[in-house]
Amino acid sequence: MKLHGYFRSSAAYRVRIALGLKGLEVGQAFHVRKGEQRAPDYLVLNPQGLVPVLETDTGALTQSLAILEWLDETYPEPALLPKANPFVRAQVRAFALAIACDIHPLQNLRVLARLKEIGLNAAAQEAWPRWVVGDGLAACEQLLVGQTGPFCFGATPTIADICLVPQMGSARRFNVDITGFPRLRAAEAACLALPAFTAAAPDKQPDAE
C-alpha cells in the first residue's frame, strides 16, 4: 500500500495513526507543498485534488474516514470501532464525524486561503478558525459526558480518538483555549502515550518543515 499525504493534513494524520495501530507499514508520497495534489496523475487517484489517498491492491481510496473503516474491516485487530454494542458504535462514528465533517473542513487550508482571497483582514482570518475549532470542540466535550476513559469511549482507542488527536493539534496551532475541555485533553493524553499516535505526529514526518 501507498499513502499520499502531507505532514500537516489532519486527514492524513488520521490515516497514519490507524496504520500504526494496525501495525501496517506503507510507502508514502508527499503533496500540497508545491501543489502536487493538482497534478493530472494525482487527479486520476483523487479528482478532488485532496489528501489523503491510500493506494491498495484493488485501487485507490479517498476520504480519511472511509479509509479508516476499510482498514478496520480488512485488518480487524485491533478494532477501531466497538464490536459488541451498535449504539456505542454509532456514538463513536458521530463523534468522529463531528470533527471530520463539521470542524475540520471549515478550518482547512483551502478555506483559510479563500478567506484571504475575498479580502478578510488579518484579524478576521485568525479569528475564524479559532471560532470554528473552539465551538466544535466544546460540543465534542459534551458528547463525552458520561463516557468512561481513558480514551474517548472506553479502554481502547477508536476512530473517535483518531480524529480527536489531530484536531487538538490544530486547536493549539490556531491558539484555541482548550483548558475548558478536560475530557478531551484526558483522552488526548491517553492517546499520546501510545507509539502509534506519537509516530504519526506531523513533526515526525519526512516532509515536515
Protein backbone atom coordinates (compact mmCIF):
# COMPACT_ATOMS: atom_id res chain seq x y z
CA MET A 1 0.00 0.00 0.00
CA LYS A 2 1.00 3.61 -0.50
CA LEU A 3 -0.26 6.63 1.41
CA HIS A 4 -0.37 10.02 -0.29
CA GLY A 5 -0.43 12.75 2.32
CA TYR A 6 1.01 15.92 3.77
CA PHE A 7 2.58 16.25 7.19
CA ARG A 8 0.18 18.97 8.38
CA SER A 9 -3.01 17.43 6.98
CA SER A 10 -5.29 16.33 9.81
CA ALA A 11 -6.96 13.86 7.47
CA ALA A 12 -3.65 12.22 6.51
CA TYR A 13 -2.65 12.27 10.19
CA ARG A 14 -5.73 10.16 10.99
CA VAL A 15 -4.75 7.52 8.47
CA ARG A 16 -1.16 7.41 9.75
CA ILE A 17 -2.47 6.78 13.27
CA ALA A 18 -4.75 3.97 12.09
CA LEU A 19 -1.94 2.33 10.13
CA GLY A 20 0.24 2.49 13.22
CA LEU A 21 -2.43 0.98 15.46
CA LYS A 22 -2.87 -1.85 12.95
CA GLY A 23 0.88 -2.39 12.74
CA LEU A 24 0.92 -1.75 8.99
CA GLU A 25 3.87 -0.22 7.18
CA VAL A 26 3.19 1.50 3.86
CA GLY A 27 5.06 3.58 1.35
CA GLN A 28 4.44 7.31 1.39
CA ALA A 29 4.26 10.13 -1.12
CA PHE A 30 4.00 13.78 -0.13
CA HIS A 31 1.86 16.52 -1.64
CA VAL A 32 0.48 20.05 -1.10
CA ARG A 33 3.76 21.92 -0.50
CA LYS A 34 4.25 22.52 -4.23
CA GLY A 35 0.70 21.85 -5.35
CA GLU A 36 1.42 18.26 -6.41
CA GLN A 37 -2.13 17.30 -5.47
CA ARG A 38 -3.34 19.23 -8.53
CA ALA A 39 -1.12 17.36 -10.99
CA PRO A 40 -3.01 15.34 -13.65
CA ASP A 41 -1.62 11.98 -12.50
CA TYR A 42 -2.71 12.67 -8.93
CA LEU A 43 -6.18 13.77 -10.02
CA VAL A 44 -6.61 10.33 -11.53
CA LEU A 45 -6.25 8.95 -7.99
CA ASN A 46 -8.40 11.65 -6.37
CA PRO A 47 -10.39 14.00 -8.62
CA GLN A 48 -10.92 16.30 -5.61
CA GLY A 49 -7.20 17.06 -5.52
CA LEU A 50 -7.07 16.41 -1.78
CA VAL A 51 -5.07 14.24 0.59
CA PRO A 52 -5.05 11.54 1.76
CA VAL A 53 -5.23 8.81 -0.82
CA LEU A 54 -4.43 5.23 0.09
CA GLU A 55 -3.40 3.10 -2.86
CA THR A 56 -4.26 -0.57 -2.33
CA ASP A 57 -4.01 -3.74 -4.41
CA THR A 58 -7.59 -3.21 -5.55
CA GLY A 59 -7.48 0.52 -6.21
CA ALA A 60 -7.20 3.95 -4.62
CA LEU A 61 -9.28 5.02 -1.63
CA THR A 62 -10.05 8.63 -0.72
CA GLN A 63 -11.63 10.32 2.33
CA SER A 64 -9.95 9.53 5.63
CA LEU A 65 -12.96 8.07 7.43
CA ALA A 66 -13.71 5.73 4.53
CA ILE A 67 -10.07 4.65 4.62
CA LEU A 68 -10.27 4.06 8.40
CA GLU A 69 -13.33 1.86 8.04
CA TRP A 70 -11.75 -0.09 5.16
CA LEU A 71 -8.64 -0.67 7.26
CA ASP A 72 -10.78 -1.83 10.17
CA GLU A 73 -12.73 -4.26 8.02
CA THR A 74 -9.66 -5.55 6.19
CA TYR A 75 -7.37 -5.74 9.23
CA PRO A 76 -9.83 -6.34 12.11
CA GLU A 77 -7.42 -6.24 15.03
CA PRO A 78 -7.18 -4.09 17.00
CA ALA A 79 -10.71 -2.88 16.31
CA LEU A 80 -11.21 0.84 15.69
CA LEU A 81 -14.98 0.59 16.18
CA PRO A 82 -16.66 -1.12 19.16
CA LYS A 83 -17.89 -4.52 18.04
CA ALA A 84 -20.24 -5.50 20.85
CA ASN A 85 -22.60 -2.54 21.11
CA PRO A 86 -24.22 -0.99 17.99
CA PHE A 87 -25.33 2.08 19.93
CA VAL A 88 -21.84 2.88 21.20
CA ARG A 89 -20.51 2.18 17.71
CA ALA A 90 -22.89 4.83 16.38
CA GLN A 91 -21.78 7.25 19.11
CA VAL A 92 -18.15 6.74 18.13
CA ARG A 93 -18.98 7.42 14.48
CA ALA A 94 -20.99 10.51 15.42
CA PHE A 95 -18.07 11.94 17.42
CA ALA A 96 -15.63 11.26 14.59
CA LEU A 97 -17.98 12.83 12.04
CA ALA A 98 -18.48 15.92 14.22
CA ILE A 99 -14.76 16.57 13.79
CA ALA A 100 -14.23 15.29 10.26
CA CYS A 101 -17.34 16.87 8.73
CA ASP A 102 -18.27 19.86 10.89
CA ILE A 103 -14.97 21.23 12.26
CA HIS A 104 -12.05 20.28 10.06
CA PRO A 105 -13.47 21.28 6.63
CA LEU A 106 -14.24 24.81 7.84
CA GLN A 107 -10.67 25.47 9.02
CA ASN A 108 -8.60 23.68 6.40
CA LEU A 109 -6.06 25.33 4.14
CA ARG A 110 -8.45 25.82 1.22
CA VAL A 111 -10.96 27.72 3.35
CA LEU A 112 -8.30 29.86 5.02
CA ALA A 113 -6.80 30.72 1.64
CA ARG A 114 -10.24 31.66 0.32
CA LEU A 115 -10.87 33.95 3.28
CA LYS A 116 -7.69 35.79 2.36
CA GLU A 117 -8.67 35.94 -1.31
CA ILE A 118 -12.04 37.54 -0.61
CA GLY A 119 -10.41 40.28 1.40
CA LEU A 120 -10.95 39.44 5.08
CA ASN A 121 -8.46 41.36 7.16
CA ALA A 122 -5.76 39.52 9.10
CA ALA A 123 -7.59 39.72 12.42
CA ALA A 124 -10.75 38.21 10.92
CA GLN A 125 -8.73 35.48 9.20
CA GLU A 126 -7.19 34.50 12.53
CA ALA A 127 -10.48 34.68 14.42
CA TRP A 128 -12.33 32.38 12.02
CA PRO A 129 -10.51 29.08 12.75
CA ARG A 130 -10.39 29.87 16.48
CA TRP A 131 -14.18 30.18 16.50
CA VAL A 132 -14.79 27.11 14.31
CA VAL A 133 -12.47 24.86 16.31
CA GLY A 134 -13.37 26.21 19.74
CA ASP A 135 -17.09 25.94 19.14
CA GLY A 136 -16.79 22.46 17.66
CA LEU A 137 -14.59 21.09 20.42
CA ALA A 138 -16.97 22.47 23.04
CA ALA A 139 -19.67 20.29 21.52
CA CYS A 140 -17.30 17.30 21.41
CA GLU A 141 -16.59 17.74 25.10
CA GLN A 142 -20.30 17.41 25.77
CA LEU A 143 -20.56 14.32 23.58
CA LEU A 144 -18.22 12.55 26.02
CA VAL A 145 -20.25 13.33 29.16
CA GLY A 146 -20.82 10.03 30.93
CA GLN A 147 -18.28 8.12 28.86
CA THR A 148 -15.58 6.27 30.77
CA GLY A 149 -11.94 6.64 29.84
CA PRO A 150 -9.13 6.72 29.46
CA PHE A 151 -9.94 7.12 25.74
CA CYS A 152 -12.98 8.84 24.28
CA PHE A 153 -15.19 5.76 24.50
CA GLY A 154 -13.59 3.36 26.92
CA ALA A 155 -10.42 1.38 27.39
CA THR A 156 -9.13 1.32 23.80
CA PRO A 157 -8.72 3.97 21.10
CA THR A 158 -11.34 4.20 18.37
CA ILE A 159 -11.87 6.35 15.30
CA ALA A 160 -13.13 8.99 17.73
CA ASP A 161 -9.64 9.28 19.25
CA ILE A 162 -8.03 9.07 15.82
CA CYS A 163 -10.00 12.16 14.78
CA LEU A 164 -9.60 13.94 18.10
CA VAL A 165 -5.81 14.00 18.36
CA PRO A 166 -5.11 15.79 15.05
CA GLN A 167 -7.91 18.27 15.80
CA MET A 168 -6.42 19.07 19.20
CA GLY A 169 -3.13 19.74 17.44
CA SER A 170 -4.91 22.14 15.10
CA ALA A 171 -6.56 23.82 18.08
CA ARG A 172 -3.15 24.65 19.52
CA ARG A 173 -1.90 25.84 16.14
CA PHE A 174 -4.83 28.26 15.95
CA ASN A 175 -4.37 29.38 19.58
CA VAL A 176 -7.70 27.95 20.74
CA ASP A 177 -8.12 27.89 24.52
CA ILE A 178 -8.60 24.18 25.32
CA THR A 179 -8.40 24.48 29.10
CA GLY A 180 -12.17 24.16 29.32
CA PHE A 181 -12.13 20.71 27.70
CA PRO A 182 -10.78 18.40 30.41
CA ARG A 183 -12.30 15.22 29.00
CA LEU A 184 -10.86 15.86 25.54
CA ARG A 185 -7.45 16.65 27.00
CA ALA A 186 -7.50 13.45 29.08
CA ALA A 187 -8.37 11.33 26.05
CA GLU A 188 -5.64 13.03 24.03
CA ALA A 189 -3.09 12.36 26.78
CA ALA A 190 -4.03 8.67 26.82
CA CYS A 191 -3.57 8.52 23.05
CA LEU A 192 -0.22 10.27 23.09
CA ALA A 193 1.12 7.61 25.45
CA LEU A 194 0.83 5.14 22.55
CA PRO A 195 3.61 4.87 19.93
CA ALA A 196 1.12 4.73 17.04
CA PHE A 197 -0.06 8.25 17.86
CA THR A 198 3.34 9.79 18.57
CA ALA A 199 4.94 8.29 15.45
CA ALA A 200 2.12 9.71 13.30
CA ALA A 201 2.59 13.29 14.57
CA PRO A 202 3.22 15.95 11.92
CA ASP A 203 6.69 16.83 13.19
CA LYS A 204 7.78 13.20 12.85
CA GLN A 205 7.03 13.02 9.12
CA PRO A 206 9.70 13.11 6.41
CA ASP A 207 8.11 16.13 4.73
CA ALA A 208 7.79 18.19 7.94
CA GLU A 209 9.01 21.75 7.60
